[in-house]
Each structure stands twice: as C-alpha cells, then as structure tokens.
Amino acid sequence: MMPKIPMLVMGTLSHVGYSDGHYDYDNGGEWVDGNIVTTAFKGCVMPMSYQDMRYDTGGTYANDDRKLYTYQSFKTGEKIIHEGIEYAIQQNKDYSQFGGGLHIYILKRGDNQ
C-alpha cells in the first residue's frame, strides 16, 4: 500500500478551468463560447522552502509562492484558488509512481506572474 497524505492536512481548494466552446446544432449550428468552470478539490498548500526557492528548475520564486500536494492532475498554467488568493500552476512534479497518484505543483501567486 502506498503512503497517502493524511486527510487532516488536506483542505478544500478551487480549480479554475474552462469548458470548451462548441457548435450548438440544435440551434442552427451557432457557436457557443466556453465558460469558466470552478471545481472544488482536496489538496495541501505549503510554503516554499528556501531550498525550493534557490535550487528548483522552474525559475525564481518569491516568498508568497506555494507548493500544492494533491492527488488531482492539472496542467501548467491552470489556476488554483487558495484562501481567496489566485495562483497559477508553474510546474508539475509528478510523484505518482511513489505516492499513489501524488502530484506536487509549484504555484506562482497571481499578482507576481
């Protein structure tokens, strides 16, 4: 059995994604734009360590950037909202083979991009 992050440290966060636009053939084939879709998920947001900020391959990080531990899969550039603050996924560290589907994401605070 693979180790899991205890639910005690997991909180509810929001993922901001977009639904795809499509042609509505029931209404004469009119184009319908995609919508913003906000979905709740479980994850643990942690501050970056000094070692993360100094040595990580994703670039230079600030003190208010974060790491997200979750079992959800996201893409680079997608948005996460934690405690009312919007972050962009900067980097994906896929640890799924070690932690039962665990992903560690580097989050860049929205106003620092």
N, C-alpha and C. Protein backbone atom coordinates (compact mmCIF):
# COMPACT_ATOMS: atom_id res chain seq x y z
N MET A 1 0.85 -1.18 0.00
CA MET A 1 0.00 0.00 0.00
C MET A 1 0.89 1.24 0.00
N MET A 2 0.56 2.20 -0.84
CA MET A 2 1.33 3.43 -0.96
C MET A 2 0.95 4.41 0.14
N PRO A 3 1.92 5.20 0.63
CA PRO A 3 1.59 6.21 1.64
C PRO A 3 0.70 7.29 1.04
N LYS A 4 -0.15 7.84 1.87
CA LYS A 4 -1.08 8.89 1.45
C LYS A 4 -0.92 10.09 2.37
N ILE A 5 -1.28 11.27 1.86
CA ILE A 5 -1.30 12.47 2.69
C ILE A 5 -2.51 12.35 3.61
N PRO A 6 -2.33 12.54 4.90
CA PRO A 6 -3.48 12.42 5.82
C PRO A 6 -4.55 13.46 5.49
N MET A 7 -5.80 13.05 5.55
CA MET A 7 -6.92 13.96 5.27
C MET A 7 -6.94 15.14 6.23
N LEU A 8 -6.32 14.98 7.40
CA LEU A 8 -6.27 16.05 8.38
C LEU A 8 -5.60 17.31 7.82
N VAL A 9 -4.60 17.14 6.96
CA VAL A 9 -3.87 18.29 6.42
C VAL A 9 -4.40 18.73 5.05
N MET A 10 -5.32 17.96 4.49
CA MET A 10 -5.89 18.29 3.19
C MET A 10 -7.03 19.28 3.39
N GLY A 11 -7.05 20.34 2.57
CA GLY A 11 -8.13 21.31 2.62
C GLY A 11 -8.86 21.34 1.29
N THR A 12 -9.94 22.07 1.26
CA THR A 12 -10.70 22.22 0.03
C THR A 12 -10.21 23.47 -0.71
N LEU A 13 -9.82 23.28 -1.95
CA LEU A 13 -9.34 24.35 -2.80
C LEU A 13 -10.21 24.41 -4.04
N SER A 14 -10.00 25.42 -4.87
CA SER A 14 -10.76 25.56 -6.11
C SER A 14 -9.83 25.55 -7.31
N HIS A 15 -10.22 24.82 -8.32
CA HIS A 15 -9.53 24.79 -9.60
C HIS A 15 -10.38 25.58 -10.58
N VAL A 16 -9.77 26.54 -11.26
CA VAL A 16 -10.49 27.35 -12.24
C VAL A 16 -10.08 26.86 -13.62
N GLY A 17 -11.04 26.29 -14.33
CA GLY A 17 -10.79 25.78 -15.66
C GLY A 17 -11.80 26.37 -16.64
N TYR A 18 -11.75 25.90 -17.83
CA TYR A 18 -12.62 26.41 -18.88
C TYR A 18 -13.24 25.24 -19.62
N SER A 19 -14.55 25.33 -19.85
CA SER A 19 -15.20 24.33 -20.68
C SER A 19 -14.95 24.72 -22.14
N ASP A 20 -14.90 23.75 -23.01
CA ASP A 20 -14.66 24.00 -24.42
C ASP A 20 -15.88 24.62 -25.07
N GLY A 21 -15.64 25.51 -26.01
CA GLY A 21 -16.73 26.03 -26.83
C GLY A 21 -17.20 24.93 -27.78
N HIS A 22 -18.40 25.10 -28.31
CA HIS A 22 -18.94 24.09 -29.21
C HIS A 22 -20.00 24.70 -30.12
N TYR A 23 -20.31 23.99 -31.19
CA TYR A 23 -21.40 24.38 -32.07
C TYR A 23 -22.67 23.73 -31.56
N ASP A 24 -23.71 24.52 -31.38
CA ASP A 24 -25.00 24.03 -30.89
C ASP A 24 -25.86 23.72 -32.11
N TYR A 25 -25.85 22.46 -32.52
CA TYR A 25 -26.58 22.05 -33.72
C TYR A 25 -28.09 22.06 -33.52
N ASP A 26 -28.55 22.04 -32.27
CA ASP A 26 -29.98 22.13 -32.00
C ASP A 26 -30.51 23.55 -32.25
N ASN A 27 -29.60 24.54 -32.28
CA ASN A 27 -29.97 25.94 -32.53
C ASN A 27 -29.33 26.46 -33.81
N GLY A 28 -29.37 25.67 -34.84
CA GLY A 28 -28.88 26.11 -36.15
C GLY A 28 -27.37 26.12 -36.30
N GLY A 29 -26.66 25.43 -35.42
CA GLY A 29 -25.20 25.35 -35.54
C GLY A 29 -24.47 26.58 -35.05
N GLU A 30 -25.12 27.37 -34.18
CA GLU A 30 -24.47 28.56 -33.64
C GLU A 30 -23.34 28.18 -32.69
N TRP A 31 -22.28 29.01 -32.74
CA TRP A 31 -21.14 28.79 -31.84
C TRP A 31 -21.50 29.24 -30.43
N VAL A 32 -21.17 28.41 -29.45
CA VAL A 32 -21.39 28.73 -28.04
C VAL A 32 -20.01 28.77 -27.38
N ASP A 33 -19.65 29.93 -26.82
CA ASP A 33 -18.34 30.06 -26.16
C ASP A 33 -18.27 29.16 -24.94
N GLY A 34 -17.05 28.76 -24.61
CA GLY A 34 -16.83 28.00 -23.38
C GLY A 34 -17.02 28.89 -22.17
N ASN A 35 -17.19 28.28 -21.03
CA ASN A 35 -17.42 29.01 -19.78
C ASN A 35 -16.30 28.73 -18.79
N ILE A 36 -16.16 29.64 -17.84
CA ILE A 36 -15.26 29.39 -16.71
C ILE A 36 -15.94 28.40 -15.78
N VAL A 37 -15.22 27.36 -15.41
CA VAL A 37 -15.76 26.32 -14.54
C VAL A 37 -14.86 26.23 -13.30
N THR A 38 -15.46 26.42 -12.12
CA THR A 38 -14.71 26.31 -10.87
C THR A 38 -15.10 25.00 -10.19
N THR A 39 -14.09 24.20 -9.87
CA THR A 39 -14.32 22.88 -9.29
C THR A 39 -13.56 22.77 -7.97
N ALA A 40 -14.23 22.25 -6.94
CA ALA A 40 -13.58 22.03 -5.65
C ALA A 40 -12.79 20.73 -5.68
N PHE A 41 -11.65 20.73 -4.99
CA PHE A 41 -10.83 19.51 -4.87
C PHE A 41 -10.08 19.56 -3.55
N LYS A 42 -9.49 18.45 -3.16
CA LYS A 42 -8.73 18.36 -1.92
C LYS A 42 -7.24 18.45 -2.21
N GLY A 43 -6.54 19.24 -1.39
CA GLY A 43 -5.11 19.38 -1.54
C GLY A 43 -4.52 20.04 -0.31
N CYS A 44 -3.22 20.08 -0.25
CA CYS A 44 -2.49 20.69 0.86
C CYS A 44 -1.52 21.71 0.28
N VAL A 45 -1.70 22.98 0.65
CA VAL A 45 -0.83 24.06 0.17
C VAL A 45 0.18 24.37 1.26
N MET A 46 1.45 24.39 0.87
CA MET A 46 2.54 24.62 1.81
C MET A 46 3.44 25.73 1.28
N PRO A 47 4.08 26.46 2.19
CA PRO A 47 5.05 27.47 1.72
C PRO A 47 6.25 26.81 1.08
N MET A 48 6.92 27.55 0.22
CA MET A 48 8.14 27.06 -0.41
C MET A 48 9.26 27.14 0.62
N SER A 49 10.11 26.14 0.63
CA SER A 49 11.28 26.20 1.49
C SER A 49 12.34 27.05 0.81
N TYR A 50 13.32 27.50 1.58
CA TYR A 50 14.42 28.27 1.00
C TYR A 50 15.16 27.45 -0.04
N GLN A 51 15.26 26.16 0.20
CA GLN A 51 15.93 25.28 -0.75
C GLN A 51 15.13 25.19 -2.06
N ASP A 52 13.79 25.11 -1.96
CA ASP A 52 12.95 25.11 -3.16
C ASP A 52 13.17 26.38 -3.97
N MET A 53 13.16 27.51 -3.29
CA MET A 53 13.28 28.80 -3.98
C MET A 53 14.65 28.97 -4.62
N ARG A 54 15.64 28.36 -4.05
CA ARG A 54 17.00 28.56 -4.53
C ARG A 54 17.40 27.60 -5.64
N TYR A 55 16.98 26.34 -5.54
CA TYR A 55 17.51 25.32 -6.43
C TYR A 55 16.54 24.74 -7.44
N ASP A 56 15.28 25.10 -7.39
CA ASP A 56 14.32 24.45 -8.28
C ASP A 56 14.54 24.87 -9.73
N THR A 57 14.26 23.94 -10.67
CA THR A 57 14.49 24.19 -12.08
C THR A 57 13.42 25.07 -12.72
N GLY A 58 12.32 25.35 -12.02
CA GLY A 58 11.23 26.12 -12.60
C GLY A 58 11.50 27.61 -12.67
N GLY A 59 12.56 28.09 -12.07
CA GLY A 59 12.87 29.50 -12.14
C GLY A 59 12.97 30.13 -10.77
N THR A 60 12.81 31.42 -10.73
CA THR A 60 12.93 32.17 -9.48
C THR A 60 11.55 32.28 -8.85
N TYR A 61 11.48 32.02 -7.56
CA TYR A 61 10.21 32.07 -6.84
C TYR A 61 10.29 33.12 -5.75
N ALA A 62 9.12 33.59 -5.34
CA ALA A 62 9.02 34.59 -4.27
C ALA A 62 8.53 33.91 -3.00
N ASN A 63 8.64 34.61 -1.88
CA ASN A 63 8.22 34.06 -0.60
C ASN A 63 6.74 33.71 -0.54
N ASP A 64 5.91 34.36 -1.35
CA ASP A 64 4.48 34.08 -1.30
C ASP A 64 4.03 33.07 -2.35
N ASP A 65 4.97 32.44 -3.07
CA ASP A 65 4.63 31.31 -3.93
C ASP A 65 4.51 30.07 -3.06
N ARG A 66 3.82 29.05 -3.55
CA ARG A 66 3.50 27.89 -2.72
C ARG A 66 3.72 26.58 -3.47
N LYS A 67 3.69 25.48 -2.69
CA LYS A 67 3.67 24.13 -3.24
C LYS A 67 2.31 23.53 -2.93
N LEU A 68 1.75 22.83 -3.90
CA LEU A 68 0.47 22.16 -3.73
C LEU A 68 0.69 20.66 -3.83
N TYR A 69 0.24 19.93 -2.80
CA TYR A 69 0.27 18.47 -2.79
C TYR A 69 -1.17 18.00 -3.00
N THR A 70 -1.39 17.20 -4.02
CA THR A 70 -2.74 16.73 -4.31
C THR A 70 -2.69 15.43 -5.11
N TYR A 71 -3.82 14.77 -5.15
CA TYR A 71 -3.95 13.56 -5.98
C TYR A 71 -4.70 13.86 -7.27
N GLN A 72 -4.95 15.14 -7.53
CA GLN A 72 -5.61 15.58 -8.77
C GLN A 72 -4.54 15.91 -9.81
N SER A 73 -4.90 15.77 -11.05
CA SER A 73 -3.98 16.08 -12.14
C SER A 73 -4.41 17.38 -12.81
N PHE A 74 -3.47 18.33 -12.95
CA PHE A 74 -3.73 19.61 -13.58
C PHE A 74 -2.64 19.89 -14.61
N LYS A 75 -2.85 20.94 -15.40
CA LYS A 75 -1.89 21.34 -16.42
C LYS A 75 -1.21 22.64 -16.00
N THR A 76 0.01 22.81 -16.48
CA THR A 76 0.74 24.05 -16.25
C THR A 76 -0.06 25.22 -16.81
N GLY A 77 -0.13 26.31 -16.03
CA GLY A 77 -0.86 27.49 -16.44
C GLY A 77 -2.27 27.57 -15.89
N GLU A 78 -2.83 26.44 -15.45
CA GLU A 78 -4.17 26.47 -14.88
C GLU A 78 -4.15 27.21 -13.55
N LYS A 79 -5.32 27.66 -13.11
CA LYS A 79 -5.44 28.49 -11.90
C LYS A 79 -5.98 27.69 -10.74
N ILE A 80 -5.44 28.00 -9.55
CA ILE A 80 -5.88 27.41 -8.29
C ILE A 80 -6.19 28.58 -7.35
N ILE A 81 -7.29 28.48 -6.60
CA ILE A 81 -7.62 29.49 -5.62
C ILE A 81 -7.52 28.86 -4.23
N HIS A 82 -6.70 29.50 -3.38
CA HIS A 82 -6.49 29.04 -2.01
C HIS A 82 -6.62 30.25 -1.08
N GLU A 83 -7.55 30.17 -0.15
CA GLU A 83 -7.81 31.25 0.80
C GLU A 83 -8.01 32.60 0.11
N GLY A 84 -8.74 32.57 -1.01
CA GLY A 84 -9.07 33.79 -1.73
C GLY A 84 -7.97 34.33 -2.62
N ILE A 85 -6.84 33.67 -2.67
CA ILE A 85 -5.71 34.12 -3.49
C ILE A 85 -5.58 33.21 -4.70
N GLU A 86 -5.45 33.81 -5.88
CA GLU A 86 -5.31 33.03 -7.10
C GLU A 86 -3.84 32.76 -7.40
N TYR A 87 -3.55 31.51 -7.72
CA TYR A 87 -2.21 31.07 -8.08
C TYR A 87 -2.28 30.41 -9.45
N ALA A 88 -1.18 30.47 -10.19
CA ALA A 88 -1.06 29.76 -11.47
C ALA A 88 -0.10 28.59 -11.26
N ILE A 89 -0.44 27.46 -11.84
CA ILE A 89 0.44 26.30 -11.76
C ILE A 89 1.64 26.57 -12.65
N GLN A 90 2.80 26.64 -12.03
CA GLN A 90 4.04 26.96 -12.71
C GLN A 90 4.78 25.70 -13.16
N GLN A 91 4.72 24.67 -12.33
CA GLN A 91 5.50 23.46 -12.60
C GLN A 91 4.80 22.27 -11.97
N ASN A 92 4.86 21.13 -12.64
CA ASN A 92 4.28 19.88 -12.14
C ASN A 92 5.40 18.91 -11.83
N LYS A 93 5.44 18.46 -10.59
CA LYS A 93 6.39 17.42 -10.21
C LYS A 93 5.58 16.15 -9.99
N ASP A 94 5.62 15.26 -10.94
CA ASP A 94 4.80 14.05 -10.91
C ASP A 94 5.47 12.98 -10.05
N TYR A 95 4.90 12.76 -8.88
CA TYR A 95 5.38 11.72 -7.98
C TYR A 95 4.40 10.56 -7.94
N SER A 96 3.58 10.41 -8.97
CA SER A 96 2.51 9.42 -8.94
C SER A 96 3.02 7.99 -8.77
N GLN A 97 4.21 7.70 -9.25
CA GLN A 97 4.71 6.33 -9.10
C GLN A 97 5.18 6.04 -7.67
N PHE A 98 5.40 7.09 -6.87
CA PHE A 98 5.87 6.90 -5.50
C PHE A 98 4.78 7.07 -4.46
N GLY A 99 3.77 7.86 -4.74
CA GLY A 99 2.79 8.20 -3.71
C GLY A 99 1.36 7.91 -4.06
N GLY A 100 1.09 6.88 -4.84
CA GLY A 100 -0.28 6.51 -5.15
C GLY A 100 -1.04 7.57 -5.93
N GLY A 101 -0.38 8.25 -6.86
CA GLY A 101 -1.03 9.28 -7.67
C GLY A 101 -0.74 10.69 -7.21
N LEU A 102 0.24 10.85 -6.32
CA LEU A 102 0.57 12.15 -5.77
C LEU A 102 1.20 13.06 -6.83
N HIS A 103 0.74 14.31 -6.86
CA HIS A 103 1.34 15.36 -7.68
C HIS A 103 1.75 16.50 -6.76
N ILE A 104 2.90 17.07 -7.05
CA ILE A 104 3.35 18.26 -6.33
C ILE A 104 3.50 19.35 -7.38
N TYR A 105 2.77 20.44 -7.17
CA TYR A 105 2.78 21.55 -8.11
C TYR A 105 3.42 22.77 -7.45
N ILE A 106 4.16 23.52 -8.24
CA ILE A 106 4.68 24.81 -7.79
C ILE A 106 3.66 25.85 -8.24
N LEU A 107 3.16 26.65 -7.28
CA LEU A 107 2.15 27.66 -7.55
C LEU A 107 2.76 29.05 -7.47
N LYS A 108 2.54 29.83 -8.50
CA LYS A 108 3.01 31.22 -8.55
C LYS A 108 1.82 32.12 -8.24
N ARG A 109 1.97 32.98 -7.24
CA ARG A 109 0.88 33.87 -6.86
C ARG A 109 0.48 34.74 -8.04
N GLY A 110 -0.83 34.92 -8.22
CA GLY A 110 -1.39 35.60 -9.39
C GLY A 110 -0.83 36.97 -9.65
N ASP A 111 -0.60 37.78 -8.61
CA ASP A 111 -0.11 39.14 -8.85
C ASP A 111 1.39 39.21 -8.99
N ASN A 112 2.08 38.05 -9.00
CA ASN A 112 3.54 38.01 -9.17
C ASN A 112 3.95 37.38 -10.51
N GLN A 113 3.01 37.12 -11.39
CA GLN A 113 3.34 36.42 -12.63
C GLN A 113 4.01 37.32 -13.63
